[in-house]
Amino acid sequence: MVNPTALRTDFNNIVNENGVICRIRYFNPVFTSGTYDDDIDLFVSGDTWTSGLRQPMDKAYGGKEAVLLEQGLVSINDSKLYIQGSIDMSGTLKIMIGSPTGDNYQVINDAGVIEWNINETPIYKKVYIRRLETGSFYGE
């Protein structure tokens, strides 16, 4: 039988040895009263540093990424990032790949985050990401 703790440790070792440093910055959206209803400001609520493996999209026929490409949910310039399963990927966040500086990415909402679990133990997450051309969100 597969030991989920050992599998998670093995994945973490692979990512730490072969990955790149990533900063995940979390934001709290604040709706400004007295202005238009879509006026939102984003305030930093915390950072998490981890390692991740960034990979290009797989456009091989029949694969998950090929289907997402055909549906227009992702583009060929997007990437996927494998990170530790214990990292929180909910809410509004921005991912910087590289340290001390690097490119900033956002999670592609249409493709999302896929969490791989064994016996309800999170092993790793595959996150579909898109580079932020300006490096920041609107309202940040």
N, C-alpha and C. Protein backbone atom coordinates (compact mmCIF):
# COMPACT_ATOMS: atom_id res chain seq x y z
N MET A 1 0.84 -1.18 0.00
CA MET A 1 0.00 0.00 0.00
C MET A 1 0.89 1.25 0.00
N VAL A 2 0.43 2.27 -0.68
CA VAL A 2 1.18 3.52 -0.80
C VAL A 2 1.08 4.29 0.52
N ASN A 3 2.22 4.76 0.97
CA ASN A 3 2.28 5.57 2.18
C ASN A 3 2.23 7.04 1.75
N PRO A 4 1.12 7.76 2.03
CA PRO A 4 1.01 9.14 1.57
C PRO A 4 2.06 10.07 2.16
N THR A 5 2.46 9.83 3.38
CA THR A 5 3.47 10.69 4.01
C THR A 5 4.82 10.53 3.30
N ALA A 6 5.18 9.30 2.98
CA ALA A 6 6.44 9.06 2.28
C ALA A 6 6.38 9.64 0.86
N LEU A 7 5.24 9.51 0.21
CA LEU A 7 5.09 10.05 -1.14
C LEU A 7 5.19 11.57 -1.13
N ARG A 8 4.57 12.21 -0.15
CA ARG A 8 4.66 13.68 -0.04
C ARG A 8 6.10 14.10 0.24
N THR A 9 6.80 13.37 1.09
CA THR A 9 8.21 13.67 1.37
C THR A 9 9.05 13.53 0.11
N ASP A 10 8.80 12.48 -0.67
CA ASP A 10 9.54 12.29 -1.92
C ASP A 10 9.27 13.44 -2.89
N PHE A 11 8.02 13.85 -3.03
CA PHE A 11 7.69 14.96 -3.92
C PHE A 11 8.37 16.24 -3.45
N ASN A 12 8.31 16.52 -2.16
CA ASN A 12 8.93 17.72 -1.61
C ASN A 12 10.45 17.72 -1.86
N ASN A 13 11.09 16.57 -1.74
CA ASN A 13 12.53 16.48 -2.02
C ASN A 13 12.83 16.78 -3.48
N ILE A 14 12.01 16.27 -4.39
CA ILE A 14 12.20 16.52 -5.82
C ILE A 14 12.06 18.01 -6.12
N VAL A 15 11.02 18.62 -5.57
CA VAL A 15 10.78 20.04 -5.82
C VAL A 15 11.89 20.90 -5.20
N ASN A 16 12.32 20.56 -4.01
CA ASN A 16 13.38 21.35 -3.35
C ASN A 16 14.71 21.24 -4.07
N GLU A 17 15.00 20.07 -4.64
CA GLU A 17 16.28 19.88 -5.32
C GLU A 17 16.27 20.42 -6.75
N ASN A 18 15.13 20.37 -7.43
CA ASN A 18 15.09 20.70 -8.85
C ASN A 18 14.23 21.92 -9.19
N GLY A 19 13.54 22.44 -8.22
CA GLY A 19 12.62 23.54 -8.50
C GLY A 19 13.26 24.90 -8.34
N VAL A 20 12.43 25.90 -8.45
CA VAL A 20 12.84 27.28 -8.31
C VAL A 20 12.05 27.89 -7.14
N ILE A 21 12.64 28.87 -6.49
CA ILE A 21 11.98 29.51 -5.35
C ILE A 21 10.78 30.33 -5.84
N CYS A 22 9.67 30.18 -5.15
CA CYS A 22 8.43 30.90 -5.49
C CYS A 22 7.91 31.63 -4.25
N ARG A 23 7.41 32.84 -4.48
CA ARG A 23 6.73 33.56 -3.41
C ARG A 23 5.26 33.65 -3.78
N ILE A 24 4.41 33.22 -2.88
CA ILE A 24 2.97 33.34 -3.07
C ILE A 24 2.51 34.46 -2.16
N ARG A 25 1.99 35.52 -2.77
CA ARG A 25 1.55 36.70 -2.02
C ARG A 25 0.02 36.70 -2.02
N TYR A 26 -0.54 36.75 -0.83
CA TYR A 26 -1.99 36.73 -0.65
C TYR A 26 -2.51 38.16 -0.47
N PHE A 27 -3.70 38.41 -1.01
CA PHE A 27 -4.31 39.73 -0.94
C PHE A 27 -5.71 39.64 -0.35
N ASN A 28 -6.08 40.68 0.37
CA ASN A 28 -7.45 40.86 0.84
C ASN A 28 -8.09 41.94 -0.01
N PRO A 29 -9.17 41.62 -0.72
CA PRO A 29 -9.87 42.66 -1.48
C PRO A 29 -10.72 43.52 -0.55
N VAL A 30 -10.68 44.83 -0.75
CA VAL A 30 -11.47 45.76 0.05
C VAL A 30 -12.32 46.57 -0.92
N PHE A 31 -13.62 46.51 -0.71
CA PHE A 31 -14.56 47.25 -1.55
C PHE A 31 -14.70 48.66 -0.98
N THR A 32 -14.42 49.65 -1.80
CA THR A 32 -14.46 51.04 -1.37
C THR A 32 -15.90 51.52 -1.37
N SER A 33 -16.38 51.98 -0.23
CA SER A 33 -17.77 52.46 -0.15
C SER A 33 -17.87 53.88 -0.70
N GLY A 34 -19.02 54.19 -1.25
CA GLY A 34 -19.26 55.52 -1.78
C GLY A 34 -18.74 55.70 -3.19
N THR A 35 -18.20 54.64 -3.79
CA THR A 35 -17.72 54.72 -5.16
C THR A 35 -18.46 53.70 -6.00
N TYR A 36 -18.03 53.53 -7.21
CA TYR A 36 -18.66 52.53 -8.07
C TYR A 36 -18.56 51.16 -7.43
N ASP A 37 -19.54 50.30 -7.72
CA ASP A 37 -19.60 49.01 -7.04
C ASP A 37 -18.50 48.04 -7.48
N ASP A 38 -17.75 48.37 -8.52
CA ASP A 38 -16.66 47.49 -8.92
C ASP A 38 -15.29 48.03 -8.53
N ASP A 39 -15.26 49.05 -7.70
CA ASP A 39 -13.99 49.63 -7.25
C ASP A 39 -13.45 48.82 -6.08
N ILE A 40 -12.35 48.10 -6.32
CA ILE A 40 -11.76 47.22 -5.32
C ILE A 40 -10.29 47.57 -5.16
N ASP A 41 -9.84 47.64 -3.93
CA ASP A 41 -8.42 47.79 -3.64
C ASP A 41 -7.92 46.47 -3.04
N LEU A 42 -6.69 46.11 -3.38
CA LEU A 42 -6.09 44.88 -2.87
C LEU A 42 -4.98 45.24 -1.89
N PHE A 43 -5.03 44.63 -0.72
CA PHE A 43 -4.02 44.85 0.31
C PHE A 43 -3.34 43.52 0.64
N VAL A 44 -2.02 43.56 0.74
CA VAL A 44 -1.24 42.35 1.02
C VAL A 44 -1.59 41.84 2.41
N SER A 45 -1.91 40.53 2.49
CA SER A 45 -2.23 39.95 3.78
C SER A 45 -1.18 38.94 4.23
N GLY A 46 -0.22 38.61 3.37
CA GLY A 46 0.84 37.70 3.78
C GLY A 46 1.55 37.08 2.60
N ASP A 47 2.69 36.47 2.90
CA ASP A 47 3.51 35.79 1.89
C ASP A 47 3.83 34.38 2.36
N THR A 48 3.98 33.48 1.39
CA THR A 48 4.49 32.14 1.65
C THR A 48 5.59 31.87 0.65
N TRP A 49 6.75 31.41 1.13
CA TRP A 49 7.86 31.06 0.26
C TRP A 49 7.92 29.55 0.16
N THR A 50 8.11 29.05 -1.06
CA THR A 50 8.16 27.61 -1.30
C THR A 50 8.99 27.36 -2.55
N SER A 51 9.15 26.12 -2.90
CA SER A 51 9.78 25.75 -4.17
C SER A 51 8.71 25.19 -5.09
N GLY A 52 8.92 25.38 -6.38
CA GLY A 52 7.97 24.88 -7.35
C GLY A 52 8.66 24.49 -8.65
N LEU A 53 8.03 23.61 -9.39
CA LEU A 53 8.52 23.20 -10.70
C LEU A 53 7.61 23.80 -11.75
N ARG A 54 8.14 24.71 -12.57
CA ARG A 54 7.36 25.33 -13.64
C ARG A 54 7.58 24.55 -14.92
N GLN A 55 6.48 24.22 -15.59
CA GLN A 55 6.53 23.44 -16.82
C GLN A 55 5.70 24.13 -17.90
N PRO A 56 6.07 23.96 -19.18
CA PRO A 56 5.25 24.52 -20.25
C PRO A 56 3.98 23.70 -20.43
N MET A 57 3.03 24.25 -21.16
CA MET A 57 1.80 23.54 -21.45
C MET A 57 2.09 22.35 -22.36
N ASP A 58 1.40 21.26 -22.12
CA ASP A 58 1.55 20.06 -22.93
C ASP A 58 0.45 20.06 -23.99
N LYS A 59 0.84 20.24 -25.23
CA LYS A 59 -0.16 20.33 -26.29
C LYS A 59 -0.37 19.01 -27.03
N ALA A 60 0.12 17.90 -26.45
CA ALA A 60 -0.05 16.60 -27.08
C ALA A 60 -1.54 16.25 -27.15
N TYR A 61 -1.95 15.70 -28.28
CA TYR A 61 -3.35 15.38 -28.51
C TYR A 61 -3.89 14.44 -27.42
N GLY A 62 -5.05 14.81 -26.87
CA GLY A 62 -5.71 13.98 -25.88
C GLY A 62 -5.36 14.31 -24.44
N GLY A 63 -4.34 15.12 -24.22
CA GLY A 63 -3.95 15.47 -22.87
C GLY A 63 -4.85 16.55 -22.29
N LYS A 64 -4.79 16.73 -20.98
CA LYS A 64 -5.62 17.74 -20.31
C LYS A 64 -5.34 19.14 -20.83
N GLU A 65 -4.05 19.47 -20.97
CA GLU A 65 -3.72 20.81 -21.44
C GLU A 65 -4.18 21.04 -22.88
N ALA A 66 -4.11 20.01 -23.71
CA ALA A 66 -4.57 20.14 -25.10
C ALA A 66 -6.05 20.47 -25.15
N VAL A 67 -6.82 19.85 -24.28
CA VAL A 67 -8.26 20.13 -24.22
C VAL A 67 -8.50 21.56 -23.75
N LEU A 68 -7.76 21.99 -22.73
CA LEU A 68 -7.90 23.36 -22.24
C LEU A 68 -7.49 24.37 -23.31
N LEU A 69 -6.45 24.05 -24.09
CA LEU A 69 -6.03 24.92 -25.20
C LEU A 69 -7.12 25.01 -26.26
N GLU A 70 -7.70 23.87 -26.63
CA GLU A 70 -8.75 23.84 -27.64
C GLU A 70 -9.98 24.62 -27.20
N GLN A 71 -10.28 24.58 -25.91
CA GLN A 71 -11.44 25.30 -25.38
C GLN A 71 -11.16 26.79 -25.19
N GLY A 72 -9.91 27.19 -25.34
CA GLY A 72 -9.54 28.59 -25.17
C GLY A 72 -9.42 29.02 -23.72
N LEU A 73 -9.38 28.08 -22.79
CA LEU A 73 -9.28 28.41 -21.37
C LEU A 73 -7.86 28.77 -20.96
N VAL A 74 -6.87 28.26 -21.69
CA VAL A 74 -5.47 28.60 -21.48
C VAL A 74 -4.85 28.88 -22.84
N SER A 75 -3.68 29.52 -22.84
CA SER A 75 -2.96 29.75 -24.09
C SER A 75 -1.65 28.99 -24.06
N ILE A 76 -1.02 28.87 -25.20
CA ILE A 76 0.24 28.13 -25.29
C ILE A 76 1.34 28.81 -24.50
N ASN A 77 1.21 30.11 -24.23
CA ASN A 77 2.21 30.86 -23.46
C ASN A 77 2.05 30.69 -21.96
N ASP A 78 0.95 30.11 -21.52
CA ASP A 78 0.73 29.87 -20.10
C ASP A 78 1.61 28.71 -19.63
N SER A 79 1.67 28.51 -18.32
CA SER A 79 2.50 27.46 -17.73
C SER A 79 1.71 26.72 -16.67
N LYS A 80 2.29 25.64 -16.21
CA LYS A 80 1.76 24.95 -15.04
C LYS A 80 2.87 24.88 -14.00
N LEU A 81 2.48 24.98 -12.76
CA LEU A 81 3.43 25.00 -11.65
C LEU A 81 3.05 23.90 -10.67
N TYR A 82 4.00 23.04 -10.36
CA TYR A 82 3.79 21.99 -9.37
C TYR A 82 4.37 22.46 -8.04
N ILE A 83 3.53 22.47 -7.01
CA ILE A 83 3.98 22.90 -5.69
C ILE A 83 3.52 21.89 -4.63
N GLN A 84 4.03 22.07 -3.43
CA GLN A 84 3.68 21.18 -2.32
C GLN A 84 2.17 21.25 -2.04
N GLY A 85 1.60 20.12 -1.70
CA GLY A 85 0.16 20.04 -1.48
C GLY A 85 -0.33 20.80 -0.27
N SER A 86 0.54 21.12 0.67
CA SER A 86 0.11 21.80 1.88
C SER A 86 -0.01 23.31 1.70
N ILE A 87 0.41 23.86 0.56
CA ILE A 87 0.38 25.30 0.32
C ILE A 87 -1.06 25.73 0.01
N ASP A 88 -1.51 26.79 0.67
CA ASP A 88 -2.86 27.34 0.45
C ASP A 88 -2.88 28.10 -0.87
N MET A 89 -3.79 27.71 -1.77
CA MET A 89 -3.91 28.37 -3.08
C MET A 89 -5.30 28.96 -3.27
N SER A 90 -5.95 29.35 -2.19
CA SER A 90 -7.30 29.91 -2.29
C SER A 90 -7.25 31.42 -2.14
N GLY A 91 -8.27 32.08 -2.66
CA GLY A 91 -8.35 33.53 -2.54
C GLY A 91 -7.61 34.24 -3.66
N THR A 92 -7.40 35.53 -3.46
CA THR A 92 -6.68 36.34 -4.43
C THR A 92 -5.20 36.27 -4.11
N LEU A 93 -4.42 35.79 -5.09
CA LEU A 93 -2.99 35.64 -4.85
C LEU A 93 -2.20 35.87 -6.12
N LYS A 94 -0.92 36.15 -5.92
CA LYS A 94 0.02 36.37 -7.01
C LYS A 94 1.25 35.53 -6.72
N ILE A 95 1.81 34.90 -7.75
CA ILE A 95 2.96 34.03 -7.59
C ILE A 95 4.16 34.66 -8.29
N MET A 96 5.24 34.87 -7.55
CA MET A 96 6.48 35.34 -8.15
C MET A 96 7.42 34.14 -8.25
N ILE A 97 7.90 33.87 -9.45
CA ILE A 97 8.82 32.75 -9.66
C ILE A 97 10.21 33.32 -9.82
N GLY A 98 11.09 32.94 -8.90
CA GLY A 98 12.45 33.45 -8.87
C GLY A 98 12.68 34.23 -7.59
N SER A 99 13.94 34.31 -7.20
CA SER A 99 14.27 35.05 -5.99
C SER A 99 15.65 35.64 -6.15
N PRO A 100 15.92 36.84 -5.73
CA PRO A 100 15.05 37.74 -4.98
C PRO A 100 14.03 38.46 -5.85
N THR A 101 14.22 38.47 -7.16
CA THR A 101 13.22 39.05 -8.05
C THR A 101 12.86 38.03 -9.11
N GLY A 102 11.74 38.24 -9.77
CA GLY A 102 11.33 37.33 -10.82
C GLY A 102 10.05 37.80 -11.47
N ASP A 103 9.52 36.98 -12.34
CA ASP A 103 8.27 37.30 -13.02
C ASP A 103 7.09 36.97 -12.12
N ASN A 104 6.02 37.77 -12.24
CA ASN A 104 4.81 37.56 -11.46
C ASN A 104 3.75 36.88 -12.32
N TYR A 105 3.02 35.97 -11.69
CA TYR A 105 2.00 35.19 -12.36
C TYR A 105 0.72 35.22 -11.55
N GLN A 106 -0.39 34.98 -12.24
CA GLN A 106 -1.68 34.81 -11.56
C GLN A 106 -2.22 33.43 -11.89
N VAL A 107 -3.07 32.92 -11.03
CA VAL A 107 -3.73 31.64 -11.27
C VAL A 107 -4.80 31.86 -12.32
N ILE A 108 -4.86 30.98 -13.31
CA ILE A 108 -5.88 31.06 -14.34
C ILE A 108 -7.15 30.46 -13.77
N ASN A 109 -8.15 31.28 -13.55
CA ASN A 109 -9.38 30.83 -12.89
C ASN A 109 -10.12 29.75 -13.66
N ASP A 110 -10.10 29.82 -15.00
CA ASP A 110 -10.83 28.82 -15.79
C ASP A 110 -10.22 27.43 -15.68
N ALA A 111 -8.91 27.35 -15.52
CA ALA A 111 -8.24 26.05 -15.41
C ALA A 111 -8.03 25.66 -13.95
N GLY A 112 -7.69 26.65 -13.13
CA GLY A 112 -7.65 26.47 -11.69
C GLY A 112 -6.48 25.71 -11.12
N VAL A 113 -6.73 25.13 -9.96
CA VAL A 113 -5.73 24.40 -9.18
C VAL A 113 -6.22 22.97 -9.04
N ILE A 114 -5.37 22.02 -9.37
CA ILE A 114 -5.72 20.61 -9.22
C ILE A 114 -4.89 20.05 -8.08
N GLU A 115 -5.57 19.52 -7.07
CA GLU A 115 -4.89 18.96 -5.91
C GLU A 115 -4.92 17.44 -6.00
N TRP A 116 -3.76 16.81 -5.83
CA TRP A 116 -3.65 15.37 -5.87
C TRP A 116 -3.50 14.86 -4.44
N ASN A 117 -4.48 14.05 -4.01
CA ASN A 117 -4.54 13.52 -2.64
C ASN A 117 -4.44 12.00 -2.65
N ILE A 118 -3.91 11.47 -1.58
CA ILE A 118 -3.97 10.04 -1.32
C ILE A 118 -4.45 9.90 0.12
N ASN A 119 -5.54 9.21 0.30
CA ASN A 119 -6.15 9.04 1.63
C ASN A 119 -6.35 10.38 2.32
N GLU A 120 -6.82 11.36 1.55
CA GLU A 120 -7.09 12.72 2.02
C GLU A 120 -5.85 13.45 2.54
N THR A 121 -4.67 12.99 2.12
CA THR A 121 -3.42 13.69 2.41
C THR A 121 -2.98 14.38 1.14
N PRO A 122 -2.88 15.73 1.14
CA PRO A 122 -2.48 16.42 -0.08
C PRO A 122 -1.00 16.15 -0.40
N ILE A 123 -0.75 15.64 -1.61
CA ILE A 123 0.62 15.32 -2.03
C ILE A 123 1.22 16.51 -2.77
N TYR A 124 0.55 16.97 -3.83
CA TYR A 124 1.02 18.13 -4.57
C TYR A 124 -0.16 18.80 -5.26
N LYS A 125 0.09 20.00 -5.76
CA LYS A 125 -0.91 20.76 -6.50
C LYS A 125 -0.33 21.16 -7.84
N LYS A 126 -1.16 21.08 -8.87
CA LYS A 126 -0.80 21.58 -10.19
C LYS A 126 -1.62 22.84 -10.41
N VAL A 127 -0.90 23.95 -10.61
CA VAL A 127 -1.53 25.26 -10.73
C VAL A 127 -1.28 25.79 -12.13
N TYR A 128 -2.34 26.15 -12.84
CA TYR A 128 -2.20 26.76 -14.15
C TYR A 128 -2.03 28.26 -13.95
N ILE A 129 -0.94 28.81 -14.52
CA ILE A 129 -0.59 30.20 -14.25
C ILE A 129 -0.37 30.97 -15.56
N ARG A 130 -0.60 32.27 -15.47
CA ARG A 130 -0.39 33.20 -16.60
C ARG A 130 0.45 34.36 -16.11
N ARG A 131 1.45 34.73 -16.91
CA ARG A 131 2.35 35.83 -16.55
C ARG A 131 1.58 37.15 -16.55
N LEU A 132 1.81 37.94 -15.51
CA LEU A 132 1.24 39.28 -15.42
C LEU A 132 2.19 40.22 -16.16
N GLU A 133 1.76 40.74 -17.28
CA GLU A 133 2.63 41.56 -18.12
C GLU A 133 3.15 42.80 -17.38
N THR A 134 2.28 43.42 -16.57
CA THR A 134 2.69 44.61 -15.84
C THR A 134 3.30 44.27 -14.48
N GLY A 135 3.19 43.04 -14.07
CA GLY A 135 3.75 42.61 -12.79
C GLY A 135 2.81 42.79 -11.61
N SER A 136 1.63 43.38 -11.84
CA SER A 136 0.71 43.58 -10.72
C SER A 136 -0.73 43.50 -11.20
N PHE A 137 -1.62 43.36 -10.23
CA PHE A 137 -3.05 43.36 -10.48
C PHE A 137 -3.55 44.79 -10.52
N TYR A 138 -4.72 44.99 -11.13
CA TYR A 138 -5.39 46.28 -11.05
C TYR A 138 -5.87 46.47 -9.62
N GLY A 139 -5.58 47.58 -9.00
CA GLY A 139 -6.01 47.87 -7.63
C GLY A 139 -4.99 47.49 -6.58
N GLU A 140 -3.88 46.91 -7.01
CA GLU A 140 -2.86 46.49 -6.04
C GLU A 140 -2.06 47.69 -5.57
